[in-house]
């Protein structure tokens, strides 16, 4: 954190909010409606009212998962020194990142940590899958468990990585059979987070998204955009760990669900404008704003 001005994060939030306005995240289907109806306008964020909407958000958090390279993975891949592009099969093995060791043909076996991916698929693709789940009346734990894997993959195909995500949806559904949403809501943050992280396929970003957006618990969500923006602005190292980045915000902002909710969405909105292509942030107006504080 910049020692010269401990309120800088607050001021950055105000700047983002004034420039982009409220982002209204996370979008959910209104009570008594179906998202497949184009005339229906989703409700947002803290307007969530019932358990079905919370479940929709939880499923959406899983469907919004993607695969982006963590800096440690990039370094590991560079160390292989293959001298050639990865084959399609090798890339798929790495992207799945569900095993602790892989073998690259013609090279020594390379160790990889199974938590090497961050979650960040374009929301528009995930939302299409959420709409299809609504259309098929699958925003329901029992129905998700009952439907076959192959049928579920067809429903959520637009989200990408649908084979893995179908498994993860079923994993979440099994978890919720033993630990219902109402019970998660009553738990302390640390206990609920630990339980979510025990679900196969749920990493820190996904768990924290569920906690913040579905359960309104006070935790800040960190994604690749957050790292990219705030490392560029000099607040963190480019290879900072998830927990380290999260602590930057948790330790220096008021603990308010609405603030955490909106701040993360505003970071994503800003990053899509200035940090989507390399070189990142060269025209980022936040640089000049911070320099003037």
Protein backbone atom coordinates (compact mmCIF):
# COMPACT_ATOMS: atom_id res chain seq x y z
CA UNK A 1 0.00 0.00 0.00
CA UNK A 2 1.28 3.49 -0.76
CA UNK A 3 2.40 4.81 2.60
CA UNK A 4 2.14 8.45 1.54
CA UNK A 5 -1.66 8.31 1.23
CA UNK A 6 -3.54 5.50 3.01
CA UNK A 7 -6.86 6.70 1.52
CA UNK A 8 -5.75 6.21 -2.07
CA UNK A 9 -7.88 3.09 -2.63
CA UNK A 10 -10.97 4.98 -1.50
CA UNK A 11 -10.16 7.79 -3.89
CA UNK A 12 -9.59 5.37 -6.77
CA UNK A 13 -13.01 3.87 -6.09
CA UNK A 14 -14.61 7.33 -6.19
CA UNK A 15 -12.82 8.11 -9.45
CA UNK A 16 -13.97 4.84 -11.03
CA UNK A 17 -17.54 5.32 -9.83
CA UNK A 18 -17.71 8.90 -11.07
CA UNK A 19 -16.34 7.89 -14.48
CA UNK A 20 -18.29 4.68 -15.07
CA UNK A 21 -21.30 4.85 -12.77
CA UNK A 22 -22.81 1.88 -10.90
CA UNK A 23 -22.14 -1.44 -12.61
CA UNK A 24 -24.99 -3.35 -10.96
CA UNK A 25 -23.20 -6.63 -10.49
CA UNK A 26 -24.20 -9.58 -10.19
CA UNK A 27 -27.19 -9.85 -12.61
CA UNK A 28 -29.91 -12.32 -11.58
CA UNK A 29 -33.33 -13.29 -12.85
CA UNK A 30 -36.24 -11.39 -11.24
CA UNK A 31 -38.56 -13.37 -8.99
CA UNK A 32 -41.24 -15.11 -11.03
CA UNK A 33 -39.52 -14.50 -14.38
CA UNK A 34 -37.41 -16.45 -16.84
CA UNK A 35 -34.22 -14.96 -18.27
CA UNK A 36 -34.95 -16.58 -21.63
CA UNK A 37 -37.69 -13.96 -22.05
CA UNK A 38 -35.90 -11.06 -23.76
CA UNK A 39 -38.33 -8.58 -22.24
CA UNK A 40 -37.12 -9.46 -18.75
CA UNK A 41 -34.52 -7.11 -17.25
CA UNK A 42 -32.23 -8.76 -14.69
CA UNK A 43 -32.00 -7.38 -11.18
CA UNK A 44 -28.59 -6.75 -9.70
CA UNK A 45 -26.30 -7.20 -6.75
CA UNK A 46 -27.82 -6.65 -3.34
CA UNK A 47 -31.34 -6.81 -4.84
CA UNK A 48 -31.14 -10.61 -4.61
CA UNK A 49 -34.16 -11.77 -2.64
CA UNK A 50 -34.53 -15.55 -2.59
CA UNK A 51 -32.62 -18.81 -2.53
CA UNK A 52 -33.16 -19.58 -6.21
CA UNK A 53 -31.48 -16.29 -7.13
CA UNK A 54 -28.58 -17.06 -4.82
CA UNK A 55 -28.26 -20.48 -6.45
CA UNK A 56 -28.30 -18.86 -9.88
CA UNK A 57 -25.40 -16.66 -8.82
CA UNK A 58 -23.48 -19.66 -7.48
CA UNK A 59 -23.95 -21.51 -10.76
CA UNK A 60 -22.98 -18.34 -12.62
CA UNK A 61 -19.74 -18.09 -10.62
CA UNK A 62 -18.81 -21.60 -11.77
CA UNK A 63 -19.81 -20.91 -15.37
CA UNK A 64 -17.77 -17.68 -15.43
CA UNK A 65 -14.62 -19.64 -14.70
CA UNK A 66 -12.03 -19.73 -17.43
CA UNK A 67 -8.32 -20.32 -17.64
CA UNK A 68 -5.71 -17.59 -17.67
CA UNK A 69 -2.06 -18.24 -16.99
CA UNK A 70 -0.88 -17.50 -13.47
CA UNK A 71 2.65 -15.98 -13.54
CA UNK A 72 4.07 -19.09 -11.89
CA UNK A 73 2.70 -21.21 -14.71
CA UNK A 74 4.22 -18.94 -17.30
CA UNK A 75 7.61 -19.30 -15.65
CA UNK A 76 7.24 -23.05 -15.45
CA UNK A 77 6.39 -23.25 -19.12
CA UNK A 78 9.35 -21.06 -20.03
CA UNK A 79 11.61 -23.40 -18.12
CA UNK A 80 10.60 -26.25 -20.37
CA UNK A 81 12.39 -24.53 -23.27
CA UNK A 82 10.61 -26.63 -25.82
CA UNK A 83 11.69 -24.49 -28.71
CA UNK A 84 8.31 -25.06 -30.36
CA UNK A 85 4.64 -24.16 -29.78
CA UNK A 86 2.62 -26.44 -27.53
CA UNK A 87 0.48 -28.99 -29.31
CA UNK A 88 -3.29 -28.76 -28.98
CA UNK A 89 -3.24 -31.80 -26.68
CA UNK A 90 -0.55 -30.33 -24.42
CA UNK A 91 -2.43 -27.03 -24.13
CA UNK A 92 -5.61 -28.81 -23.17
CA UNK A 93 -3.81 -30.73 -20.40
CA UNK A 94 -2.35 -27.52 -19.02
CA UNK A 95 -5.61 -25.59 -19.28
CA UNK A 96 -7.55 -28.20 -17.37
CA UNK A 97 -4.98 -27.84 -14.56
CA UNK A 98 -6.68 -30.54 -12.55
CA UNK A 99 -3.66 -32.76 -12.02
CA UNK A 100 -0.43 -32.11 -10.17
CA UNK A 101 1.96 -33.53 -12.77
CA UNK A 102 2.05 -33.57 -16.55
CA UNK A 103 4.41 -35.18 -19.03
CA UNK A 104 5.52 -33.29 -22.11
CA UNK A 105 6.64 -35.64 -24.88
CA UNK A 106 10.37 -35.72 -25.27
CA UNK A 107 11.01 -33.80 -22.03
CA UNK A 108 11.41 -34.49 -18.36
CA UNK A 109 8.24 -34.62 -16.29
CA UNK A 110 7.34 -31.19 -14.97
CA UNK A 111 5.62 -30.47 -11.67
CA UNK A 112 2.68 -28.08 -11.62
CA UNK A 113 0.52 -26.91 -8.77
CA UNK A 114 -3.12 -27.88 -9.30
CA UNK A 115 -4.32 -24.39 -8.31
CA UNK A 116 -2.46 -22.65 -11.12
CA UNK A 117 -5.42 -21.07 -12.87
CA UNK A 118 -7.46 -18.00 -12.23
CA UNK A 119 -11.09 -17.78 -13.26
CA UNK A 120 -12.11 -15.23 -15.88
CA UNK A 121 -14.31 -16.19 -18.83
CA UNK A 122 -16.22 -13.43 -20.65
CA UNK A 123 -19.45 -13.01 -18.71
CA UNK A 124 -21.56 -12.76 -21.84
CA UNK A 125 -20.81 -16.43 -22.62
CA UNK A 126 -21.51 -17.52 -19.07
CA UNK A 127 -24.76 -15.54 -19.04
CA UNK A 128 -25.98 -17.41 -22.12
CA UNK A 129 -25.48 -20.63 -20.19
CA UNK A 130 -27.35 -19.20 -17.18
CA UNK A 131 -30.24 -18.29 -19.47
CA UNK A 132 -30.29 -21.85 -20.80
CA UNK A 133 -30.26 -23.26 -17.27
CA UNK A 134 -33.26 -21.08 -16.48
CA UNK A 135 -35.01 -22.13 -19.68
CA UNK A 136 -34.53 -25.81 -18.79
CA UNK A 137 -35.61 -25.17 -15.18
CA UNK A 138 -32.18 -26.27 -13.97
CA UNK A 139 -31.57 -23.60 -11.35
CA UNK A 140 -32.25 -26.38 -8.90
CA UNK A 141 -29.85 -28.60 -6.96
CA UNK A 142 -31.84 -31.82 -7.41
CA UNK A 143 -32.35 -31.29 -11.15
CA UNK A 144 -28.66 -30.59 -11.70
CA UNK A 145 -27.83 -33.86 -9.93
CA UNK A 146 -30.45 -35.76 -11.92
CA UNK A 147 -29.59 -34.55 -15.42
CA UNK A 148 -26.94 -36.56 -17.27
CA UNK A 149 -23.48 -35.15 -17.81
CA UNK A 150 -23.89 -35.14 -21.59
CA UNK A 151 -27.22 -33.31 -21.39
CA UNK A 152 -25.80 -30.73 -19.00
CA UNK A 153 -22.82 -30.04 -21.26
CA UNK A 154 -25.21 -29.23 -24.10
CA UNK A 155 -27.13 -26.78 -21.92
CA UNK A 156 -24.01 -24.87 -20.78
CA UNK A 157 -21.97 -25.22 -23.96
CA UNK A 158 -21.77 -21.46 -24.53
CA UNK A 159 -19.74 -21.00 -21.32
CA UNK A 160 -16.73 -22.87 -22.70
CA UNK A 161 -14.84 -25.72 -21.00
CA UNK A 162 -18.29 -27.23 -20.66
CA UNK A 163 -17.16 -30.76 -19.78
CA UNK A 164 -15.26 -29.53 -16.73
CA UNK A 165 -17.90 -26.98 -15.79
CA UNK A 166 -20.66 -29.60 -15.92
CA UNK A 167 -18.66 -31.64 -13.41
CA UNK A 168 -18.17 -28.57 -11.22
CA UNK A 169 -21.88 -27.71 -11.29
CA UNK A 170 -22.65 -31.22 -10.10
CA UNK A 171 -19.94 -30.93 -7.43
CA UNK A 172 -21.51 -27.69 -6.16
CA UNK A 173 -24.96 -29.29 -6.22
CA UNK A 174 -23.76 -32.28 -4.18
CA UNK A 175 -22.12 -29.93 -1.73
CA UNK A 176 -25.36 -27.94 -1.34
CA UNK A 177 -27.31 -31.11 -0.61
CA UNK A 178 -25.19 -31.53 2.52
CA UNK A 179 -24.74 -27.83 3.23
CA UNK A 180 -27.74 -25.81 1.99
CA UNK A 181 -27.48 -22.13 1.08
CA UNK A 182 -29.38 -21.05 4.20
CA UNK A 183 -26.81 -22.85 6.34
CA UNK A 184 -23.92 -21.22 4.48
CA UNK A 185 -25.49 -17.82 5.07
CA UNK A 186 -25.56 -18.43 8.83
CA UNK A 187 -21.91 -19.42 8.98
CA UNK A 188 -18.99 -17.16 9.77
CA UNK A 189 -17.06 -16.08 6.69
CA UNK A 190 -13.97 -18.20 7.37
CA UNK A 191 -15.97 -21.39 7.89
CA UNK A 192 -18.10 -20.89 4.78
CA UNK A 193 -15.02 -20.10 2.69
CA UNK A 194 -13.16 -23.17 3.90
CA UNK A 195 -16.10 -25.39 3.02
CA UNK A 196 -16.47 -23.90 -0.46
CA UNK A 197 -12.76 -24.34 -1.12
CA UNK A 198 -13.12 -28.02 -0.24
CA UNK A 199 -15.40 -28.50 -3.27
CA UNK A 200 -13.46 -29.96 -6.19
CA UNK A 201 -13.04 -27.35 -8.89
CA UNK A 202 -13.74 -24.33 -6.68
CA UNK A 203 -10.74 -22.03 -6.34
CA UNK A 204 -10.30 -18.86 -4.31
CA UNK A 205 -11.77 -16.46 -6.84
CA UNK A 206 -14.83 -18.63 -7.41
CA UNK A 207 -15.36 -19.20 -3.69
CA UNK A 208 -15.03 -15.50 -2.93
CA UNK A 209 -17.39 -14.58 -5.76
CA UNK A 210 -19.98 -16.94 -4.30
CA UNK A 211 -19.45 -15.51 -0.82
CA UNK A 212 -19.73 -11.88 -1.92
CA UNK A 213 -22.29 -11.99 -4.70
CA UNK A 214 -24.54 -14.87 -3.64
CA UNK A 215 -24.24 -14.66 0.16
CA UNK A 216 -23.38 -10.96 0.70
CA UNK A 217 -20.43 -11.85 2.90
CA UNK A 218 -17.66 -9.31 3.35
CA UNK A 219 -14.79 -10.48 1.19
CA UNK A 220 -13.05 -8.81 -1.73
CA UNK A 221 -12.85 -10.76 -5.00
CA UNK A 222 -9.53 -10.74 -6.83
CA UNK A 223 -9.20 -11.60 -10.49
CA UNK A 224 -6.59 -11.24 -13.21
CA UNK A 225 -7.80 -7.73 -14.01
CA UNK A 226 -7.28 -6.63 -10.39
CA UNK A 227 -3.69 -7.85 -10.48
CA UNK A 228 -3.08 -6.29 -13.86
CA UNK A 229 -4.42 -2.85 -12.98
CA UNK A 230 -2.94 -2.49 -9.51
CA UNK A 231 0.47 -3.89 -10.41
CA UNK A 232 0.59 -1.40 -13.28
CA UNK A 233 -0.27 1.39 -10.84
CA UNK A 234 2.51 0.25 -8.49
CA UNK A 235 0.43 -1.06 -5.58
CA UNK A 236 1.45 -4.71 -5.85
CA UNK A 237 4.06 -6.89 -7.50
CA UNK A 238 2.98 -8.43 -10.84
CA UNK A 239 3.39 -11.90 -9.32
CA UNK A 240 1.68 -11.09 -6.02
CA UNK A 241 -0.26 -13.98 -4.51
CA UNK A 242 -4.06 -13.90 -4.44
CA UNK A 243 -4.14 -13.50 -0.65
CA UNK A 244 -1.65 -10.64 -0.79
CA UNK A 245 -3.74 -8.73 -3.34
CA UNK A 246 -6.91 -9.41 -1.40
CA UNK A 247 -5.33 -8.10 1.80
CA UNK A 248 -4.51 -4.81 0.06
CA UNK A 249 -8.23 -4.12 -0.29
CA UNK A 250 -9.49 -5.83 2.86
CA UNK A 251 -7.02 -3.92 5.05
CA UNK A 252 -7.60 -0.51 3.52
CA UNK A 253 -11.31 -0.26 2.72
CA UNK A 254 -14.45 -0.11 4.88
CA UNK A 255 -15.96 -3.59 5.13
CA UNK A 256 -19.20 -3.02 3.25
CA UNK A 257 -20.74 -5.59 0.89
CA UNK A 258 -22.01 -2.90 -1.48
CA UNK A 259 -18.55 -1.30 -1.70
CA UNK A 260 -16.74 -4.61 -2.31
CA UNK A 261 -19.39 -5.60 -4.85
CA UNK A 262 -19.20 -2.37 -6.83
CA UNK A 263 -15.43 -1.90 -6.58
CA UNK A 264 -14.63 -5.25 -8.15
CA UNK A 265 -17.12 -4.65 -10.97
CA UNK A 266 -15.64 -1.18 -11.59
CA UNK A 267 -12.12 -2.61 -11.79
CA UNK A 268 -13.30 -5.07 -14.44
CA UNK A 269 -15.04 -2.26 -16.35
CA UNK A 270 -11.91 -0.09 -16.29
CA UNK A 271 -9.60 -2.97 -17.18
CA UNK A 272 -11.63 -3.94 -20.24
CA UNK A 273 -10.98 -0.44 -21.58
CA UNK A 274 -7.31 0.01 -20.75
CA UNK A 275 -5.88 -3.41 -19.87
CA UNK A 276 -7.22 -5.86 -22.43
CA UNK A 277 -4.26 -5.68 -24.79
CA UNK A 278 -0.52 -5.39 -24.31
CA UNK A 279 1.18 -3.15 -23.45
CA UNK A 280 -1.26 -2.88 -20.55
CA UNK A 281 -2.37 0.45 -19.16
CA UNK A 282 -0.24 2.78 -21.26
CA UNK A 283 -3.20 5.18 -21.64
CA UNK A 284 -4.68 4.48 -18.21
CA UNK A 285 -5.95 7.83 -16.82
CA UNK A 286 -5.67 6.51 -13.27
CA UNK A 287 -1.91 7.01 -13.50
CA UNK A 288 -2.27 10.77 -13.81
CA UNK A 289 -5.01 10.82 -11.18
CA UNK A 290 -2.86 9.00 -8.62
CA UNK A 291 0.17 11.14 -9.42
CA UNK A 292 -1.88 14.20 -8.54
CA UNK A 293 -2.98 12.96 -5.13
